Amino acid sequence: MADDRQLSVSEIKRILKPTGQAYLSLGAYPPIGFMGKSEWEQMLNGFRVERGGSIKEMWALVSPKE
């Protein structure tokens, strides 16, 4: 997702079934996997966060928002 994160997230939202879940991860520490807090929160927008989700945890288990 490093090249076009928003396109990747849009595709996850598109293909995720109503009962499905996706694991989103920053993957690595800076400079490879880092993004700012506002970009991370924007990425999670549109999902329901089931677990994780804070920028400090570097991952989130998400499902579609109803």
PDB file of N, CA and C in Angstrom:
ATOM      1  N   MET A   1       0.808  -1.199   0.000  1.00  0.00           N
ATOM      2  CA  MET A   1       0.000   0.000   0.000  1.00  0.00           C
ATOM      3  C   MET A   1       0.851   1.263   0.000  1.00  0.00           C
ATOM      4  N   ALA A   2       2.135   1.129  -0.055  1.00  0.00           N
ATOM      5  CA  ALA A   2       3.000   2.301   0.057  1.00  0.00           C
ATOM      6  C   ALA A   2       2.822   3.271  -1.104  1.00  0.00           C
ATOM      7  N   ASP A   3       2.499   2.767  -2.295  1.00  0.00           N
ATOM      8  CA  ASP A   3       2.423   3.646  -3.455  1.00  0.00           C
ATOM      9  C   ASP A   3       1.140   4.464  -3.515  1.00  0.00           C
ATOM     10  N   ASP A   4       0.015   3.838  -3.315  1.00  0.00           N
ATOM     11  CA  ASP A   4      -1.261   4.552  -3.406  1.00  0.00           C
ATOM     12  C   ASP A   4      -2.194   4.009  -2.331  1.00  0.00           C
ATOM     13  N   ARG A   5      -2.031   4.518  -1.138  1.00  0.00           N
ATOM     14  CA  ARG A   5      -2.795   3.998   0.006  1.00  0.00           C
ATOM     15  C   ARG A   5      -4.288   4.188  -0.158  1.00  0.00           C
ATOM     16  N   GLN A   6      -4.701   5.355  -0.605  1.00  0.00           N
ATOM     17  CA  GLN A   6      -6.137   5.622  -0.716  1.00  0.00           C
ATOM     18  C   GLN A   6      -6.801   4.701  -1.735  1.00  0.00           C
ATOM     19  N   LEU A   7      -6.130   4.428  -2.840  1.00  0.00           N
ATOM     20  CA  LEU A   7      -6.677   3.502  -3.829  1.00  0.00           C
ATOM     21  C   LEU A   7      -6.786   2.103  -3.233  1.00  0.00           C
ATOM     22  N   SER A   8      -5.783   1.696  -2.483  1.00  0.00           N
ATOM     23  CA  SER A   8      -5.808   0.382  -1.839  1.00  0.00           C
ATOM     24  C   SER A   8      -6.956   0.273  -0.843  1.00  0.00           C
ATOM     25  N   VAL A   9      -7.148   1.297  -0.028  1.00  0.00           N
ATOM     26  CA  VAL A   9      -8.229   1.286   0.968  1.00  0.00           C
ATOM     27  C   VAL A   9      -9.589   1.293   0.275  1.00  0.00           C
ATOM     28  N   SER A  10      -9.720   2.056  -0.780  1.00  0.00           N
ATOM     29  CA  SER A  10     -10.982   2.077  -1.536  1.00  0.00           C
ATOM     30  C   SER A  10     -11.308   0.696  -2.083  1.00  0.00           C
ATOM     31  N   GLU A  11     -10.295  -0.011  -2.558  1.00  0.00           N
ATOM     32  CA  GLU A  11     -10.506  -1.357  -3.089  1.00  0.00           C
ATOM     33  C   GLU A  11     -10.892  -2.332  -1.979  1.00  0.00           C
ATOM     34  N   ILE A  12     -10.272  -2.217  -0.814  1.00  0.00           N
ATOM     35  CA  ILE A  12     -10.656  -3.064   0.326  1.00  0.00           C
ATOM     36  C   ILE A  12     -12.112  -2.819   0.691  1.00  0.00           C
ATOM     37  N   LYS A  13     -12.512  -1.554   0.753  1.00  0.00           N
ATOM     38  CA  LYS A  13     -13.908  -1.231   1.072  1.00  0.00           C
ATOM     39  C   LYS A  13     -14.856  -1.807   0.022  1.00  0.00           C
ATOM     40  N   ARG A  14     -14.452  -1.771  -1.228  1.00  0.00           N
ATOM     41  CA  ARG A  14     -15.305  -2.243  -2.313  1.00  0.00           C
ATOM     42  C   ARG A  14     -15.524  -3.753  -2.250  1.00  0.00           C
ATOM     43  N   ILE A  15     -14.483  -4.512  -1.959  1.00  0.00           N
ATOM     44  CA  ILE A  15     -14.601  -5.970  -2.030  1.00  0.00           C
ATOM     45  C   ILE A  15     -14.956  -6.627  -0.700  1.00  0.00           C
ATOM     46  N   LEU A  16     -14.884  -5.890   0.389  1.00  0.00           N
ATOM     47  CA  LEU A  16     -15.154  -6.474   1.708  1.00  0.00           C
ATOM     48  C   LEU A  16     -16.645  -6.755   1.873  1.00  0.00           C
ATOM     49  N   LYS A  17     -16.960  -7.994   2.153  1.00  0.00           N
ATOM     50  CA  LYS A  17     -18.357  -8.382   2.345  1.00  0.00           C
ATOM     51  C   LYS A  17     -18.879  -7.802   3.650  1.00  0.00           C
ATOM     52  N   PRO A  18     -20.199  -7.651   3.789  1.00  0.00           N
ATOM     53  CA  PRO A  18     -20.772  -7.061   5.000  1.00  0.00           C
ATOM     54  C   PRO A  18     -20.339  -7.750   6.298  1.00  0.00           C
ATOM     55  N   THR A  19     -20.073  -9.045   6.239  1.00  0.00           N
ATOM     56  CA  THR A  19     -19.645  -9.768   7.436  1.00  0.00           C
ATOM     57  C   THR A  19     -18.135  -9.991   7.472  1.00  0.00           C
ATOM     58  N   GLY A  20     -17.421  -9.425   6.501  1.00  0.00           N
ATOM     59  CA  GLY A  20     -15.987  -9.637   6.395  1.00  0.00           C
ATOM     60  C   GLY A  20     -15.177  -8.717   7.292  1.00  0.00           C
ATOM     61  N   GLN A  21     -13.914  -9.064   7.427  1.00  0.00           N
ATOM     62  CA  GLN A  21     -12.977  -8.249   8.188  1.00  0.00           C
ATOM     63  C   GLN A  21     -11.687  -8.135   7.398  1.00  0.00           C
ATOM     64  N   ALA A  22     -10.959  -7.062   7.645  1.00  0.00           N
ATOM     65  CA  ALA A  22      -9.661  -6.848   7.011  1.00  0.00           C
ATOM     66  C   ALA A  22      -8.669  -6.402   8.076  1.00  0.00           C
ATOM     67  N   TYR A  23      -7.427  -6.799   7.891  1.00  0.00           N
ATOM     68  CA  TYR A  23      -6.351  -6.415   8.794  1.00  0.00           C
ATOM     69  C   TYR A  23      -5.524  -5.354   8.092  1.00  0.00           C
ATOM     70  N   LEU A  24      -5.483  -4.160   8.665  1.00  0.00           N
ATOM     71  CA  LEU A  24      -4.675  -3.075   8.124  1.00  0.00           C
ATOM     72  C   LEU A  24      -3.478  -2.873   9.036  1.00  0.00           C
ATOM     73  N   SER A  25      -2.311  -2.738   8.438  1.00  0.00           N
ATOM     74  CA  SER A  25      -1.097  -2.608   9.226  1.00  0.00           C
ATOM     75  C   SER A  25      -0.169  -1.578   8.608  1.00  0.00           C
ATOM     76  N   LEU A  26       0.515  -0.847   9.468  1.00  0.00           N
ATOM     77  CA  LEU A  26       1.546   0.055   8.977  1.00  0.00           C
ATOM     78  C   LEU A  26       2.757  -0.745   8.528  1.00  0.00           C
ATOM     79  N   GLY A  27       2.903  -1.954   9.010  1.00  0.00           N
ATOM     80  CA  GLY A  27       3.890  -2.882   8.511  1.00  0.00           C
ATOM     81  C   GLY A  27       5.307  -2.742   9.014  1.00  0.00           C
ATOM     82  N   ALA A  28       5.763  -1.540   9.194  1.00  0.00           N
ATOM     83  CA  ALA A  28       7.153  -1.330   9.597  1.00  0.00           C
ATOM     84  C   ALA A  28       7.287   0.044  10.240  1.00  0.00           C
ATOM     85  N   TYR A  29       8.368   0.228  10.896  1.00  0.00           N
ATOM     86  CA  TYR A  29       8.668   1.531  11.485  1.00  0.00           C
ATOM     87  C   TYR A  29       9.198   2.470  10.414  1.00  0.00           C
ATOM     88  N   PRO A  30       9.241   3.755  10.706  1.00  0.00           N
ATOM     89  CA  PRO A  30       9.715   4.727   9.723  1.00  0.00           C
ATOM     90  C   PRO A  30      11.098   4.353   9.185  1.00  0.00           C
ATOM     91  N   PRO A  31      11.370   4.679   7.948  1.00  0.00           N
ATOM     92  CA  PRO A  31      10.547   5.453   7.020  1.00  0.00           C
ATOM     93  C   PRO A  31       9.653   4.610   6.133  1.00  0.00           C
ATOM     94  N   ILE A  32       9.742   3.284   6.201  1.00  0.00           N
ATOM     95  CA  ILE A  32       8.997   2.435   5.269  1.00  0.00           C
ATOM     96  C   ILE A  32       7.510   2.411   5.580  1.00  0.00           C
ATOM     97  N   GLY A  33       7.133   2.173   6.816  1.00  0.00           N
ATOM     98  CA  GLY A  33       5.734   1.966   7.132  1.00  0.00           C
ATOM     99  C   GLY A  33       5.060   3.120   7.834  1.00  0.00           C
ATOM    100  N   PHE A  34       5.737   4.214   8.018  1.00  0.00           N
ATOM    101  CA  PHE A  34       5.169   5.291   8.816  1.00  0.00           C
ATOM    102  C   PHE A  34       4.214   6.166   8.030  1.00  0.00           C
ATOM    103  N   MET A  35       3.164   6.553   8.681  1.00  0.00           N
ATOM    104  CA  MET A  35       2.274   7.599   8.181  1.00  0.00           C
ATOM    105  C   MET A  35       1.836   8.404   9.389  1.00  0.00           C
ATOM    106  N   GLY A  36       1.433   9.605   9.164  1.00  0.00           N
ATOM    107  CA  GLY A  36       1.001  10.459  10.254  1.00  0.00           C
ATOM    108  C   GLY A  36      -0.330  10.006  10.845  1.00  0.00           C
ATOM    109  N   LYS A  37      -0.591  10.499  12.036  1.00  0.00           N
ATOM    110  CA  LYS A  37      -1.824  10.132  12.740  1.00  0.00           C
ATOM    111  C   LYS A  37      -3.060  10.504  11.937  1.00  0.00           C
ATOM    112  N   SER A  38      -3.072  11.675  11.333  1.00  0.00           N
ATOM    113  CA  SER A  38      -4.255  12.106  10.573  1.00  0.00           C
ATOM    114  C   SER A  38      -4.482  11.222   9.347  1.00  0.00           C
ATOM    115  N   GLU A  39      -3.407  10.798   8.679  1.00  0.00           N
ATOM    116  CA  GLU A  39      -3.569   9.914   7.522  1.00  0.00           C
ATOM    117  C   GLU A  39      -4.073   8.542   7.960  1.00  0.00           C
ATOM    118  N   TRP A  40      -3.570   8.032   9.080  1.00  0.00           N
ATOM    119  CA  TRP A  40      -4.029   6.745   9.618  1.00  0.00           C
ATOM    120  C   TRP A  40      -5.508   6.814   9.975  1.00  0.00           C
ATOM    121  N   GLU A  41      -5.913   7.898  10.656  1.00  0.00           N
ATOM    122  CA  GLU A  41      -7.322   8.054  11.034  1.00  0.00           C
ATOM    123  C   GLU A  41      -8.204   8.186   9.797  1.00  0.00           C
ATOM    124  N   GLN A  42      -7.712   8.875   8.786  1.00  0.00           N
ATOM    125  CA  GLN A  42      -8.463   8.999   7.533  1.00  0.00           C
ATOM    126  C   GLN A  42      -8.606   7.628   6.866  1.00  0.00           C
ATOM    127  N   MET A  43      -7.556   6.813   6.926  1.00  0.00           N
ATOM    128  CA  MET A  43      -7.609   5.484   6.341  1.00  0.00           C
ATOM    129  C   MET A  43      -8.668   4.624   7.036  1.00  0.00           C
ATOM    130  N   LEU A  44      -8.774   4.770   8.360  1.00  0.00           N
ATOM    131  CA  LEU A  44      -9.749   3.974   9.116  1.00  0.00           C
ATOM    132  C   LEU A  44     -11.174   4.495   8.955  1.00  0.00           C
ATOM    133  N   ASN A  45     -11.308   5.735   8.495  1.00  0.00           N
ATOM    134  CA  ASN A  45     -12.630   6.312   8.297  1.00  0.00           C
ATOM    135  C   ASN A  45     -13.393   5.472   7.261  1.00  0.00           C
ATOM    136  N   GLY A  46     -14.607   5.160   7.554  1.00  0.00           N
ATOM    137  CA  GLY A  46     -15.399   4.339   6.658  1.00  0.00           C
ATOM    138  C   GLY A  46     -15.419   2.880   7.064  1.00  0.00           C
ATOM    139  N   PHE A  47     -14.594   2.520   8.040  1.00  0.00           N
ATOM    140  CA  PHE A  47     -14.594   1.175   8.593  1.00  0.00           C
ATOM    141  C   PHE A  47     -15.074   1.231  10.034  1.00  0.00           C
ATOM    142  N   ARG A  48     -15.524   0.124  10.545  1.00  0.00           N
ATOM    143  CA  ARG A  48     -15.743  -0.040  11.975  1.00  0.00           C
ATOM    144  C   ARG A  48     -14.498  -0.746  12.506  1.00  0.00           C
ATOM    145  N   VAL A  49     -13.825  -0.147  13.466  1.00  0.00           N
ATOM    146  CA  VAL A  49     -12.611  -0.739  14.024  1.00  0.00           C
ATOM    147  C   VAL A  49     -13.006  -1.746  15.090  1.00  0.00           C
ATOM    148  N   GLU A  50     -12.652  -3.005  14.851  1.00  0.00           N
ATOM    149  CA  GLU A  50     -12.991  -4.090  15.775  1.00  0.00           C
ATOM    150  C   GLU A  50     -11.940  -4.232  16.874  1.00  0.00           C
ATOM    151  N   ARG A  51     -10.684  -4.104  16.499  1.00  0.00           N
ATOM    152  CA  ARG A  51      -9.556  -4.208  17.438  1.00  0.00           C
ATOM    153  C   ARG A  51      -8.429  -3.327  16.949  1.00  0.00           C
ATOM    154  N   GLY A  52      -7.554  -2.976  17.876  1.00  0.00           N
ATOM    155  CA  GLY A  52      -6.423  -2.128  17.510  1.00  0.00           C
ATOM    156  C   GLY A  52      -6.904  -0.739  17.115  1.00  0.00           C
ATOM    157  N   GLY A  53      -6.203  -0.146  16.185  1.00  0.00           N
ATOM    158  CA  GLY A  53      -6.651   1.114  15.630  1.00  0.00           C
ATOM    159  C   GLY A  53      -5.836   2.327  16.012  1.00  0.00           C
ATOM    160  N   SER A  54      -5.120   2.269  17.133  1.00  0.00           N
ATOM    161  CA  SER A  54      -4.334   3.459  17.484  1.00  0.00           C
ATOM    162  C   SER A  54      -3.054   3.478  16.663  1.00  0.00           C
ATOM    163  N   ILE A  55      -2.550   4.648  16.403  1.00  0.00           N
ATOM    164  CA  ILE A  55      -1.318   4.792  15.634  1.00  0.00           C
ATOM    165  C   ILE A  55      -0.154   4.117  16.349  1.00  0.00           C
ATOM    166  N   LYS A  56      -0.215   4.051  17.667  1.00  0.00           N
ATOM    167  CA  LYS A  56       0.864   3.410  18.432  1.00  0.00           C
ATOM    168  C   LYS A  56       0.875   1.898  18.238  1.00  0.00           C
ATOM    169  N   GLU A  57      -0.295   1.302  18.037  1.00  0.00           N
ATOM    170  CA  GLU A  57      -0.375  -0.145  17.827  1.00  0.00           C
ATOM    171  C   GLU A  57       0.067  -0.545  16.424  1.00  0.00           C
ATOM    172  N   MET A  58      -0.062   0.367  15.478  1.00  0.00           N
ATOM    173  CA  MET A  58       0.350   0.170  14.086  1.00  0.00           C
ATOM    174  C   MET A  58      -0.476  -0.856  13.321  1.00  0.00           C
ATOM    175  N   TRP A  59      -1.668  -1.194  13.809  1.00  0.00           N
ATOM    176  CA  TRP A  59      -2.526  -2.128  13.085  1.00  0.00           C
ATOM    177  C   TRP A  59      -3.977  -1.909  13.497  1.00  0.00           C
ATOM    178  N   ALA A  60      -4.900  -2.453  12.707  1.00  0.00           N
ATOM    179  CA  ALA A  60      -6.322  -2.415  13.042  1.00  0.00           C
ATOM    180  C   ALA A  60      -7.031  -3.565  12.334  1.00  0.00           C
ATOM    181  N   LEU A  61      -7.939  -4.193  13.032  1.00  0.00           N
ATOM    182  CA  LEU A  61      -8.849  -5.165  12.459  1.00  0.00           C
ATOM    183  C   LEU A  61     -10.153  -4.419  12.209  1.00  0.00           C
ATOM    184  N   VAL A  62     -10.572  -4.361  10.959  1.00  0.00           N
ATOM    185  CA  VAL A  62     -11.726  -3.529  10.605  1.00  0.00           C
ATOM    186  C   VAL A  62     -12.791  -4.366   9.888  1.00  0.00           C
ATOM    187  N   SER A  63     -14.004  -3.843   9.931  1.00  0.00           N
ATOM    188  CA  SER A  63     -15.116  -4.409   9.191  1.00  0.00           C
ATOM    189  C   SER A  63     -15.883  -3.241   8.572  1.00  0.00           C
ATOM    190  N   PRO A  64     -16.774  -3.534   7.619  1.00  0.00           N
ATOM    191  CA  PRO A  64     -17.511  -2.454   6.987  1.00  0.00           C
ATOM    192  C   PRO A  64     -18.413  -1.734   7.988  1.00  0.00           C
ATOM    193  N   LYS A  65     -18.546  -0.427   7.804  1.00  0.00           N
ATOM    194  CA  LYS A  65     -19.514   0.328   8.607  1.00  0.00           C
ATOM    195  C   LYS A  65     -20.890   0.016   8.080  1.00  0.00           C
ATOM    196  N   GLU A  66     -21.838  -0.036   8.970  1.00  0.00           N
ATOM    197  CA  GLU A  66     -23.218  -0.291   8.530  1.00  0.00           C
ATOM    198  C   GLU A  66     -23.935   0.987   8.258  1.00  0.00           C
TER     199      GLU A  66
END
